[in-house]
Amino acid sequence: MAKESMKAREVKRAKLVAKYAAKRAQLIADGDYVALQKLPKNASPVRLHNRCKLTGRPKGYVRKFGISRINLREMALKGLLPGVKKASW
């Protein structure tokens, strides 16, 4: 389980990226890179990191479900994810 501060930091970054998205696009279109550098660092979408919605785990993120591989396996085995079953061959 990730620390609450780490999860809160990611949420704060996501809000900042959304706030400055239009301004960033305009500055990039104009080619004004000096003004672009004056925006906050965390306003850059590159700094966002996918985290598990349940535990906040930063690694092993499955984009289709928005959760980590560990939670995906547990939920699939319990039958909580419709259409997902354990492979066997």
PDB file of N, CA and C in Angstrom:
ATOM      1  N   MET A   1       0.840  -1.173   0.000  1.00  0.00           N
ATOM      2  CA  MET A   1       0.000   0.000   0.000  1.00  0.00           C
ATOM      3  C   MET A   1       0.887   1.238   0.000  1.00  0.00           C
ATOM      4  N   ALA A   2       0.624   2.125  -0.922  1.00  0.00           N
ATOM      5  CA  ALA A   2       1.403   3.355  -1.022  1.00  0.00           C
ATOM      6  C   ALA A   2       1.014   4.318   0.100  1.00  0.00           C
ATOM      7  N   LYS A   3       1.943   5.204   0.402  1.00  0.00           N
ATOM      8  CA  LYS A   3       1.652   6.212   1.413  1.00  0.00           C
ATOM      9  C   LYS A   3       0.578   7.153   0.883  1.00  0.00           C
ATOM     10  N   GLU A   4      -0.231   7.645   1.767  1.00  0.00           N
ATOM     11  CA  GLU A   4      -1.308   8.560   1.378  1.00  0.00           C
ATOM     12  C   GLU A   4      -0.742   9.835   0.753  1.00  0.00           C
ATOM     13  N   SER A   5       0.430  10.251   1.223  1.00  0.00           N
ATOM     14  CA  SER A   5       1.031  11.458   0.678  1.00  0.00           C
ATOM     15  C   SER A   5       1.427  11.278  -0.787  1.00  0.00           C
ATOM     16  N   MET A   6       1.851  10.075  -1.149  1.00  0.00           N
ATOM     17  CA  MET A   6       2.224   9.817  -2.541  1.00  0.00           C
ATOM     18  C   MET A   6       0.989   9.827  -3.442  1.00  0.00           C
ATOM     19  N   LYS A   7      -0.100   9.234  -2.957  1.00  0.00           N
ATOM     20  CA  LYS A   7      -1.343   9.237  -3.731  1.00  0.00           C
ATOM     21  C   LYS A   7      -1.872  10.665  -3.877  1.00  0.00           C
ATOM     22  N   ALA A   8      -1.788  11.434  -2.811  1.00  0.00           N
ATOM     23  CA  ALA A   8      -2.261  12.814  -2.849  1.00  0.00           C
ATOM     24  C   ALA A   8      -1.418  13.654  -3.799  1.00  0.00           C
ATOM     25  N   ARG A   9      -0.134  13.381  -3.845  1.00  0.00           N
ATOM     26  CA  ARG A   9       0.764  14.117  -4.735  1.00  0.00           C
ATOM     27  C   ARG A   9       0.402  13.863  -6.202  1.00  0.00           C
ATOM     28  N   GLU A  10       0.071  12.610  -6.527  1.00  0.00           N
ATOM     29  CA  GLU A  10      -0.330  12.281  -7.895  1.00  0.00           C
ATOM     30  C   GLU A  10      -1.640  12.963  -8.270  1.00  0.00           C
ATOM     31  N   VAL A  11      -2.574  13.020  -7.335  1.00  0.00           N
ATOM     32  CA  VAL A  11      -3.853  13.693  -7.596  1.00  0.00           C
ATOM     33  C   VAL A  11      -3.616  15.180  -7.833  1.00  0.00           C
ATOM     34  N   LYS A  12      -2.741  15.775  -7.028  1.00  0.00           N
ATOM     35  CA  LYS A  12      -2.419  17.191  -7.157  1.00  0.00           C
ATOM     36  C   LYS A  12      -1.771  17.469  -8.521  1.00  0.00           C
ATOM     37  N   ARG A  13      -0.866  16.577  -8.950  1.00  0.00           N
ATOM     38  CA  ARG A  13      -0.233  16.735 -10.261  1.00  0.00           C
ATOM     39  C   ARG A  13      -1.256  16.639 -11.378  1.00  0.00           C
ATOM     40  N   ALA A  14      -2.186  15.691 -11.263  1.00  0.00           N
ATOM     41  CA  ALA A  14      -3.205  15.519 -12.305  1.00  0.00           C
ATOM     42  C   ALA A  14      -4.067  16.774 -12.439  1.00  0.00           C
ATOM     43  N   LYS A  15      -4.415  17.388 -11.310  1.00  0.00           N
ATOM     44  CA  LYS A  15      -5.203  18.621 -11.351  1.00  0.00           C
ATOM     45  C   LYS A  15      -4.407  19.755 -12.000  1.00  0.00           C
ATOM     46  N   LEU A  16      -3.121  19.831 -11.696  1.00  0.00           N
ATOM     47  CA  LEU A  16      -2.272  20.872 -12.251  1.00  0.00           C
ATOM     48  C   LEU A  16      -2.102  20.701 -13.762  1.00  0.00           C
ATOM     49  N   VAL A  17      -1.957  19.465 -14.202  1.00  0.00           N
ATOM     50  CA  VAL A  17      -1.842  19.184 -15.636  1.00  0.00           C
ATOM     51  C   VAL A  17      -3.119  19.606 -16.350  1.00  0.00           C
ATOM     52  N   ALA A  18      -4.266  19.285 -15.766  1.00  0.00           N
ATOM     53  CA  ALA A  18      -5.545  19.659 -16.383  1.00  0.00           C
ATOM     54  C   ALA A  18      -5.718  21.177 -16.418  1.00  0.00           C
ATOM     55  N   LYS A  19      -5.264  21.851 -15.382  1.00  0.00           N
ATOM     56  CA  LYS A  19      -5.415  23.303 -15.297  1.00  0.00           C
ATOM     57  C   LYS A  19      -4.615  24.013 -16.392  1.00  0.00           C
ATOM     58  N   TYR A  20      -3.404  23.543 -16.652  1.00  0.00           N
ATOM     59  CA  TYR A  20      -2.514  24.208 -17.592  1.00  0.00           C
ATOM     60  C   TYR A  20      -2.511  23.580 -18.984  1.00  0.00           C
ATOM     61  N   ALA A  21      -3.346  22.605 -19.259  1.00  0.00           N
ATOM     62  CA  ALA A  21      -3.315  21.895 -20.544  1.00  0.00           C
ATOM     63  C   ALA A  21      -3.546  22.834 -21.727  1.00  0.00           C
ATOM     64  N   ALA A  22      -4.556  23.682 -21.639  1.00  0.00           N
ATOM     65  CA  ALA A  22      -4.865  24.589 -22.744  1.00  0.00           C
ATOM     66  C   ALA A  22      -3.739  25.609 -22.942  1.00  0.00           C
ATOM     67  N   LYS A  23      -3.218  26.125 -21.840  1.00  0.00           N
ATOM     68  CA  LYS A  23      -2.146  27.113 -21.925  1.00  0.00           C
ATOM     69  C   LYS A  23      -0.883  26.494 -22.519  1.00  0.00           C
ATOM     70  N   ARG A  24      -0.570  25.267 -22.113  1.00  0.00           N
ATOM     71  CA  ARG A  24       0.596  24.561 -22.656  1.00  0.00           C
ATOM     72  C   ARG A  24       0.441  24.355 -24.156  1.00  0.00           C
ATOM     73  N   ALA A  25      -0.745  23.917 -24.572  1.00  0.00           N
ATOM     74  CA  ALA A  25      -0.986  23.678 -25.998  1.00  0.00           C
ATOM     75  C   ALA A  25      -0.817  24.965 -26.802  1.00  0.00           C
ATOM     76  N   GLN A  26      -1.307  26.071 -26.259  1.00  0.00           N
ATOM     77  CA  GLN A  26      -1.191  27.359 -26.945  1.00  0.00           C
ATOM     78  C   GLN A  26       0.266  27.791 -27.057  1.00  0.00           C
ATOM     79  N   LEU A  27       1.020  27.644 -25.972  1.00  0.00           N
ATOM     80  CA  LEU A  27       2.429  28.045 -25.985  1.00  0.00           C
ATOM     81  C   LEU A  27       3.244  27.174 -26.941  1.00  0.00           C
ATOM     82  N   ILE A  28       2.932  25.892 -26.990  1.00  0.00           N
ATOM     83  CA  ILE A  28       3.640  24.996 -27.904  1.00  0.00           C
ATOM     84  C   ILE A  28       3.309  25.354 -29.351  1.00  0.00           C
ATOM     85  N   ALA A  29       2.040  25.660 -29.624  1.00  0.00           N
ATOM     86  CA  ALA A  29       1.633  26.037 -30.978  1.00  0.00           C
ATOM     87  C   ALA A  29       2.320  27.333 -31.422  1.00  0.00           C
ATOM     88  N   ASP A  30       2.490  28.264 -30.485  1.00  0.00           N
ATOM     89  CA  ASP A  30       3.147  29.529 -30.797  1.00  0.00           C
ATOM     90  C   ASP A  30       4.665  29.391 -30.853  1.00  0.00           C
ATOM     91  N   GLY A  31       5.189  28.320 -30.290  1.00  0.00           N
ATOM     92  CA  GLY A  31       6.637  28.134 -30.250  1.00  0.00           C
ATOM     93  C   GLY A  31       7.305  28.963 -29.172  1.00  0.00           C
ATOM     94  N   ASP A  32       6.560  29.394 -28.180  1.00  0.00           N
ATOM     95  CA  ASP A  32       7.083  30.222 -27.088  1.00  0.00           C
ATOM     96  C   ASP A  32       7.609  29.318 -25.976  1.00  0.00           C
ATOM     97  N   TYR A  33       8.818  28.834 -26.155  1.00  0.00           N
ATOM     98  CA  TYR A  33       9.377  27.878 -25.209  1.00  0.00           C
ATOM     99  C   TYR A  33       9.908  28.533 -23.938  1.00  0.00           C
ATOM    100  N   VAL A  34      10.193  29.820 -23.998  1.00  0.00           N
ATOM    101  CA  VAL A  34      10.637  30.537 -22.804  1.00  0.00           C
ATOM    102  C   VAL A  34       9.482  30.626 -21.811  1.00  0.00           C
ATOM    103  N   ALA A  35       8.291  30.970 -22.297  1.00  0.00           N
ATOM    104  CA  ALA A  35       7.117  31.045 -21.424  1.00  0.00           C
ATOM    105  C   ALA A  35       6.709  29.652 -20.955  1.00  0.00           C
ATOM    106  N   LEU A  36       6.947  28.657 -21.795  1.00  0.00           N
ATOM    107  CA  LEU A  36       6.603  27.277 -21.441  1.00  0.00           C
ATOM    108  C   LEU A  36       7.441  26.806 -20.256  1.00  0.00           C
ATOM    109  N   GLN A  37       8.704  27.232 -20.225  1.00  0.00           N
ATOM    110  CA  GLN A  37       9.585  26.839 -19.127  1.00  0.00           C
ATOM    111  C   GLN A  37       9.212  27.517 -17.816  1.00  0.00           C
ATOM    112  N   LYS A  38       8.477  28.610 -17.890  1.00  0.00           N
ATOM    113  CA  LYS A  38       8.092  29.328 -16.674  1.00  0.00           C
ATOM    114  C   LYS A  38       6.869  28.723 -15.999  1.00  0.00           C
ATOM    115  N   LEU A  39       6.187  27.783 -16.684  1.00  0.00           N
ATOM    116  CA  LEU A  39       5.059  27.091 -16.058  1.00  0.00           C
ATOM    117  C   LEU A  39       5.591  26.163 -14.965  1.00  0.00           C
ATOM    118  N   PRO A  40       4.751  25.770 -14.015  1.00  0.00           N
ATOM    119  CA  PRO A  40       5.208  24.843 -12.971  1.00  0.00           C
ATOM    120  C   PRO A  40       5.670  23.507 -13.557  1.00  0.00           C
ATOM    121  N   LYS A  41       6.673  22.907 -12.945  1.00  0.00           N
ATOM    122  CA  LYS A  41       7.192  21.622 -13.418  1.00  0.00           C
ATOM    123  C   LYS A  41       6.101  20.547 -13.427  1.00  0.00           C
ATOM    124  N   ASN A  42       5.299  20.550 -12.378  1.00  0.00           N
ATOM    125  CA  ASN A  42       4.277  19.510 -12.259  1.00  0.00           C
ATOM    126  C   ASN A  42       3.103  19.717 -13.208  1.00  0.00           C
ATOM    127  N   ALA A  43       3.115  20.781 -13.997  1.00  0.00           N
ATOM    128  CA  ALA A  43       2.070  21.005 -14.985  1.00  0.00           C
ATOM    129  C   ALA A  43       2.345  20.210 -16.261  1.00  0.00           C
ATOM    130  N   SER A  44       3.491  19.578 -16.330  1.00  0.00           N
ATOM    131  CA  SER A  44       3.850  18.776 -17.497  1.00  0.00           C
ATOM    132  C   SER A  44       3.221  17.381 -17.385  1.00  0.00           C
ATOM    133  N   PRO A  45       2.539  16.914 -18.434  1.00  0.00           N
ATOM    134  CA  PRO A  45       1.905  15.588 -18.361  1.00  0.00           C
ATOM    135  C   PRO A  45       2.914  14.439 -18.271  1.00  0.00           C
ATOM    136  N   VAL A  46       4.155  14.707 -18.594  1.00  0.00           N
ATOM    137  CA  VAL A  46       5.182  13.671 -18.528  1.00  0.00           C
ATOM    138  C   VAL A  46       5.447  13.251 -17.083  1.00  0.00           C
ATOM    139  N   ARG A  47       5.206  14.156 -16.159  1.00  0.00           N
ATOM    140  CA  ARG A  47       5.486  13.870 -14.748  1.00  0.00           C
ATOM    141  C   ARG A  47       4.417  13.024 -14.069  1.00  0.00           C
ATOM    142  N   LEU A  48       3.290  12.793 -14.750  1.00  0.00           N
ATOM    143  CA  LEU A  48       2.248  11.939 -14.181  1.00  0.00           C
ATOM    144  C   LEU A  48       2.694  10.485 -14.208  1.00  0.00           C
ATOM    145  N   HIS A  49       2.287   9.738 -13.226  1.00  0.00           N
ATOM    146  CA  HIS A  49       2.631   8.320 -13.156  1.00  0.00           C
ATOM    147  C   HIS A  49       1.378   7.530 -12.835  1.00  0.00           C
ATOM    148  N   ASN A  50       1.128   6.476 -13.601  1.00  0.00           N
ATOM    149  CA  ASN A  50      -0.050   5.659 -13.352  1.00  0.00           C
ATOM    150  C   ASN A  50       0.098   4.908 -12.034  1.00  0.00           C
ATOM    151  N   ARG A  51      -0.953   4.933 -11.236  1.00  0.00           N
ATOM    152  CA  ARG A  51      -0.971   4.215  -9.964  1.00  0.00           C
ATOM    153  C   ARG A  51      -2.241   3.403  -9.853  1.00  0.00           C
ATOM    154  N   CYS A  52      -2.166   2.295  -9.133  1.00  0.00           N
ATOM    155  CA  CYS A  52      -3.318   1.442  -8.890  1.00  0.00           C
ATOM    156  C   CYS A  52      -4.384   2.248  -8.145  1.00  0.00           C
ATOM    157  N   LYS A  53      -5.623   2.132  -8.592  1.00  0.00           N
ATOM    158  CA  LYS A  53      -6.717   2.886  -7.973  1.00  0.00           C
ATOM    159  C   LYS A  53      -7.030   2.372  -6.562  1.00  0.00           C
ATOM    160  N   LEU A  54      -6.715   1.115  -6.293  1.00  0.00           N
ATOM    161  CA  LEU A  54      -7.048   0.525  -4.996  1.00  0.00           C
ATOM    162  C   LEU A  54      -5.929   0.690  -3.967  1.00  0.00           C
ATOM    163  N   THR A  55      -4.697   0.400  -4.375  1.00  0.00           N
ATOM    164  CA  THR A  55      -3.599   0.407  -3.412  1.00  0.00           C
ATOM    165  C   THR A  55      -2.603   1.528  -3.610  1.00  0.00           C
ATOM    166  N   GLY A  56      -2.567   2.132  -4.798  1.00  0.00           N
ATOM    167  CA  GLY A  56      -1.599   3.177  -5.072  1.00  0.00           C
ATOM    168  C   GLY A  56      -0.266   2.648  -5.543  1.00  0.00           C
ATOM    169  N   ARG A  57      -0.191   1.353  -5.824  1.00  0.00           N
ATOM    170  CA  ARG A  57       1.059   0.753  -6.275  1.00  0.00           C
ATOM    171  C   ARG A  57       1.472   1.351  -7.623  1.00  0.00           C
ATOM    172  N   PRO A  58       2.745   1.833  -7.735  1.00  0.00           N
ATOM    173  CA  PRO A  58       3.160   2.495  -8.960  1.00  0.00           C
ATOM    174  C   PRO A  58       3.646   1.551 -10.058  1.00  0.00           C
ATOM    175  N   LYS A  59       4.003   0.343  -9.703  1.00  0.00           N
ATOM    176  CA  LYS A  59       4.542  -0.584 -10.704  1.00  0.00           C
ATOM    177  C   LYS A  59       3.550  -1.702 -10.980  1.00  0.00           C
ATOM    178  N   GLY A  60       3.649  -2.302 -12.143  1.00  0.00           N
ATOM    179  CA  GLY A  60       2.763  -3.398 -12.510  1.00  0.00           C
ATOM    180  C   GLY A  60       1.347  -2.927 -12.757  1.00  0.00           C
ATOM    181  N   TYR A  61       1.196  -1.739 -13.320  1.00  0.00           N
ATOM    182  CA  TYR A  61      -0.108  -1.131 -13.570  1.00  0.00           C
ATOM    183  C   TYR A  61      -0.694  -1.689 -14.863  1.00  0.00           C
ATOM    184  N   VAL A  62      -1.939  -2.162 -14.806  1.00  0.00           N
ATOM    185  CA  VAL A  62      -2.637  -2.651 -15.996  1.00  0.00           C
ATOM    186  C   VAL A  62      -3.604  -1.555 -16.428  1.00  0.00           C
ATOM    187  N   ARG A  63      -3.308  -0.929 -17.554  1.00  0.00           N
ATOM    188  CA  ARG A  63      -4.036   0.252 -17.999  1.00  0.00           C
ATOM    189  C   ARG A  63      -5.518  -0.037 -18.263  1.00  0.00           C
ATOM    190  N   LYS A  64      -5.820  -1.200 -18.809  1.00  0.00           N
ATOM    191  CA  LYS A  64      -7.206  -1.530 -19.165  1.00  0.00           C
ATOM    192  C   LYS A  64      -8.131  -1.503 -17.948  1.00  0.00           C
ATOM    193  N   PHE A  65      -7.625  -1.913 -16.808  1.00  0.00           N
ATOM    194  CA  PHE A  65      -8.444  -1.995 -15.595  1.00  0.00           C
ATOM    195  C   PHE A  65      -8.140  -0.891 -14.592  1.00  0.00           C
ATOM    196  N   GLY A  66      -6.985  -0.255 -14.695  1.00  0.00           N
ATOM    197  CA  GLY A  66      -6.625   0.814 -13.776  1.00  0.00           C
ATOM    198  C   GLY A  66      -6.151   0.322 -12.422  1.00  0.00           C
ATOM    199  N   ILE A  67      -5.756  -0.951 -12.360  1.00  0.00           N
ATOM    200  CA  ILE A  67      -5.281  -1.525 -11.100  1.00  0.00           C
ATOM    201  C   ILE A  67      -3.961  -2.251 -11.337  1.00  0.00           C
ATOM    202  N   SER A  68      -3.295  -2.634 -10.260  1.00  0.00           N
ATOM    203  CA  SER A  68      -2.019  -3.324 -10.382  1.00  0.00           C
ATOM    204  C   SER A  68      -2.236  -4.790 -10.731  1.00  0.00           C
ATOM    205  N   ARG A  69      -1.176  -5.425 -11.183  1.00  0.00           N
ATOM    206  CA  ARG A  69      -1.251  -6.829 -11.602  1.00  0.00           C
ATOM    207  C   ARG A  69      -1.662  -7.742 -10.449  1.00  0.00           C
ATOM    208  N   ILE A  70      -1.275  -7.378  -9.249  1.00  0.00           N
ATOM    209  CA  ILE A  70      -1.592  -8.202  -8.082  1.00  0.00           C
ATOM    210  C   ILE A  70      -3.089  -8.146  -7.795  1.00  0.00           C
ATOM    211  N   ASN A  71      -3.649  -6.939  -7.792  1.00  0.00           N
ATOM    212  CA  ASN A  71      -5.088  -6.798  -7.574  1.00  0.00           C
ATOM    213  C   ASN A  71      -5.882  -7.392  -8.720  1.00  0.00           C
ATOM    214  N   LEU A  72      -5.353  -7.291  -9.921  1.00  0.00           N
ATOM    215  CA  LEU A  72      -6.018  -7.880 -11.080  1.00  0.00           C
ATOM    216  C   LEU A  72      -6.154  -9.390 -10.904  1.00  0.00           C
ATOM    217  N   ARG A  73      -5.092 -10.021 -10.485  1.00  0.00           N
ATOM    218  CA  ARG A  73      -5.115 -11.476 -10.294  1.00  0.00           C
ATOM    219  C   ARG A  73      -6.105 -11.875  -9.195  1.00  0.00           C
ATOM    220  N   GLU A  74      -6.043 -11.161  -8.068  1.00  0.00           N
ATOM    221  CA  GLU A  74      -6.942 -11.481  -6.954  1.00  0.00           C
ATOM    222  C   GLU A  74      -8.403 -11.309  -7.351  1.00  0.00           C
ATOM    223  N   MET A  75      -8.709 -10.202  -8.022  1.00  0.00           N
ATOM    224  CA  MET A  75     -10.092  -9.933  -8.410  1.00  0.00           C
ATOM    225  C   MET A  75     -10.576 -10.901  -9.491  1.00  0.00           C
ATOM    226  N   ALA A  76      -9.684 -11.284 -10.392  1.00  0.00           N
ATOM    227  CA  ALA A  76     -10.059 -12.223 -11.441  1.00  0.00           C
ATOM    228  C   ALA A  76     -10.357 -13.600 -10.854  1.00  0.00           C
ATOM    229  N   LEU A  77      -9.558 -14.013  -9.894  1.00  0.00           N
ATOM    230  CA  LEU A  77      -9.776 -15.324  -9.275  1.00  0.00           C
ATOM    231  C   LEU A  77     -11.060 -15.350  -8.443  1.00  0.00           C
ATOM    232  N   LYS A  78     -11.435 -14.215  -7.878  1.00  0.00           N
ATOM    233  CA  LYS A  78     -12.680 -14.140  -7.107  1.00  0.00           C
ATOM    234  C   LYS A  78     -13.896 -13.951  -8.007  1.00  0.00           C
ATOM    235  N   GLY A  79     -13.661 -13.693  -9.303  1.00  0.00           N
ATOM    236  CA  GLY A  79     -14.763 -13.506 -10.232  1.00  0.00           C
ATOM    237  C   GLY A  79     -15.345 -12.105 -10.197  1.00  0.00           C
ATOM    238  N   LEU A  80     -14.566 -11.131  -9.750  1.00  0.00           N
ATOM    239  CA  LEU A  80     -15.057  -9.760  -9.647  1.00  0.00           C
ATOM    240  C   LEU A  80     -14.906  -8.973 -10.948  1.00  0.00           C
ATOM    241  N   LEU A  81     -14.147  -9.511 -11.884  1.00  0.00           N
ATOM    242  CA  LEU A  81     -13.950  -8.845 -13.173  1.00  0.00           C
ATOM    243  C   LEU A  81     -14.678  -9.651 -14.247  1.00  0.00           C
ATOM    244  N   PRO A  82     -15.758  -9.129 -14.788  1.00  0.00           N
ATOM    245  CA  PRO A  82     -16.513  -9.890 -15.785  1.00  0.00           C
ATOM    246  C   PRO A  82     -15.719 -10.097 -17.064  1.00  0.00           C
ATOM    247  N   GLY A  83     -15.755 -11.316 -17.574  1.00  0.00           N
ATOM    248  CA  GLY A  83     -15.077 -11.647 -18.820  1.00  0.00           C
ATOM    249  C   GLY A  83     -13.624 -12.002 -18.663  1.00  0.00           C
ATOM    250  N   VAL A  84     -13.102 -11.984 -17.442  1.00  0.00           N
ATOM    251  CA  VAL A  84     -11.687 -12.309 -17.214  1.00  0.00           C
ATOM    252  C   VAL A  84     -11.629 -13.646 -16.490  1.00  0.00           C
ATOM    253  N   LYS A  85     -10.802 -14.554 -17.038  1.00  0.00           N
ATOM    254  CA  LYS A  85     -10.613 -15.829 -16.363  1.00  0.00           C
ATOM    255  C   LYS A  85      -9.153 -16.231 -16.463  1.00  0.00           C
ATOM    256  N   LYS A  86      -8.744 -17.068 -15.566  1.00  0.00           N
ATOM    257  CA  LYS A  86      -7.361 -17.523 -15.517  1.00  0.00           C
ATOM    258  C   LYS A  86      -7.101 -18.451 -16.693  1.00  0.00           C
ATOM    259  N   ALA A  87      -6.010 -18.192 -17.360  1.00  0.00           N
ATOM    260  CA  ALA A  87      -5.664 -19.024 -18.514  1.00  0.00           C
ATOM    261  C   ALA A  87      -5.122 -20.380 -18.043  1.00  0.00           C
ATOM    262  N   SER A  88      -5.471 -21.424 -18.772  1.00  0.00           N
ATOM    263  CA  SER A  88      -4.897 -22.744 -18.513  1.00  0.00           C
ATOM    264  C   SER A  88      -4.763 -23.459 -19.843  1.00  0.00           C
ATOM    265  N   TRP A  89      -3.637 -24.087 -20.057  1.00  0.00           N
ATOM    266  CA  TRP A  89      -3.413 -24.802 -21.311  1.00  0.00           C
ATOM    267  C   TRP A  89      -2.645 -26.071 -21.073  1.00  0.00           C
TER     268      TRP A  89
END
